[in-house]
Amino acid sequence: MTVDGADIHYQDFSPVDASRQPGLLFVHGHGAHAHWWDFIAPAFIDDFHVIAIDLSGSGDSQHRKQYNAGQFAREMIAVTTHAGLIEPVIVAHSFGGTLARVAAWLNPGVFRQLVLVDSVISSRRRVASSMTEPSPESLPEKVRFYDTLEAGQKRFRLRPPQPCDNAYILAYIARYSLKQTAKGYCFKLDQRLFAKMIEDPLGLPDGIAMVEGINCPVYCIYGRNSRFFGAEQVEQMAALLGSEATIVIDQAHHHVFLDQPLAFIQALQNILKPGTD
């Protein structure tokens, strides 16, 4: 589908008769794409109409000349409408969580629940790397090409760096992170995405104020070994959301659902009790 002039891709995991089920939208983090959820989404198709989005600049969605948080939010709303999701729950990882709470705050009443996955809530107002409109021509070219798919896969790394015992998952998502071009294989991600982020023209509040203003239940699942969730951050999150809504996954780092997919699925199933809040 097309959103604000860019082609946006999403995956629909559910059978064709899922239209009467409640909706579930998975949103990836920076540097990721919809296929990161391929190991998670099928666990929910019996109870939910499940989709996963490629945000613009990522996966099989089109790159933009510039990006902002409100635009990403419109992409999320658009795919839920296009897929026909009913009272969707949104589950979003890392930077995707930052953008998902913007979508929930800007669109009260659309989402039934918001689940942040290892996504820190900051008191800073800015959701951009650049405060002025960048010139695409002035940005350095960072695209690197590889002769074979296998050569490109070997260059795949998790960011931020962390160990991950599930090498087969990394190999799988690495394969879907690359595309073939006339010059060879390259990563699909817009390598200049953060450089092309501008301040949202709507003027967004800081993360804490935004979460406090969201009118649906908000949960957080984080990794015990996450570099972003030290004692202070965990305490802040529990104070903001409540201790029961702040769930830790043992033996997991920032990429929680890659490290411990089964434990993550169980934690999410405990939150997503169909027909309840």
Foldseek 3Di string as FASTA:
>chain_A
DDAPHKFKDKDWPEDPPQLPAAAEEEEEDPLAAQCLCVLFQVVCRVRHRYMYIGFDLAFPIHHDLFDELVSSLRVVVVVCVVSNHHQYEYEYAALRLVSPLVNLLVDAPNHQEYEYELYFFDQDQFPALDADADDPVPDDDDKDADAALVVQLVPDADPPHDDAPPVVSSSVRSSSQWDQDPRHITGSGPPCHRVRYHGDPVRGGGRLVSLVNRPHQYAYEYEPAEPSDDPVRQVVVCVRRNPVRYHYDYQAYSSRCRRPVVSVSVVVCVVCDPPDD
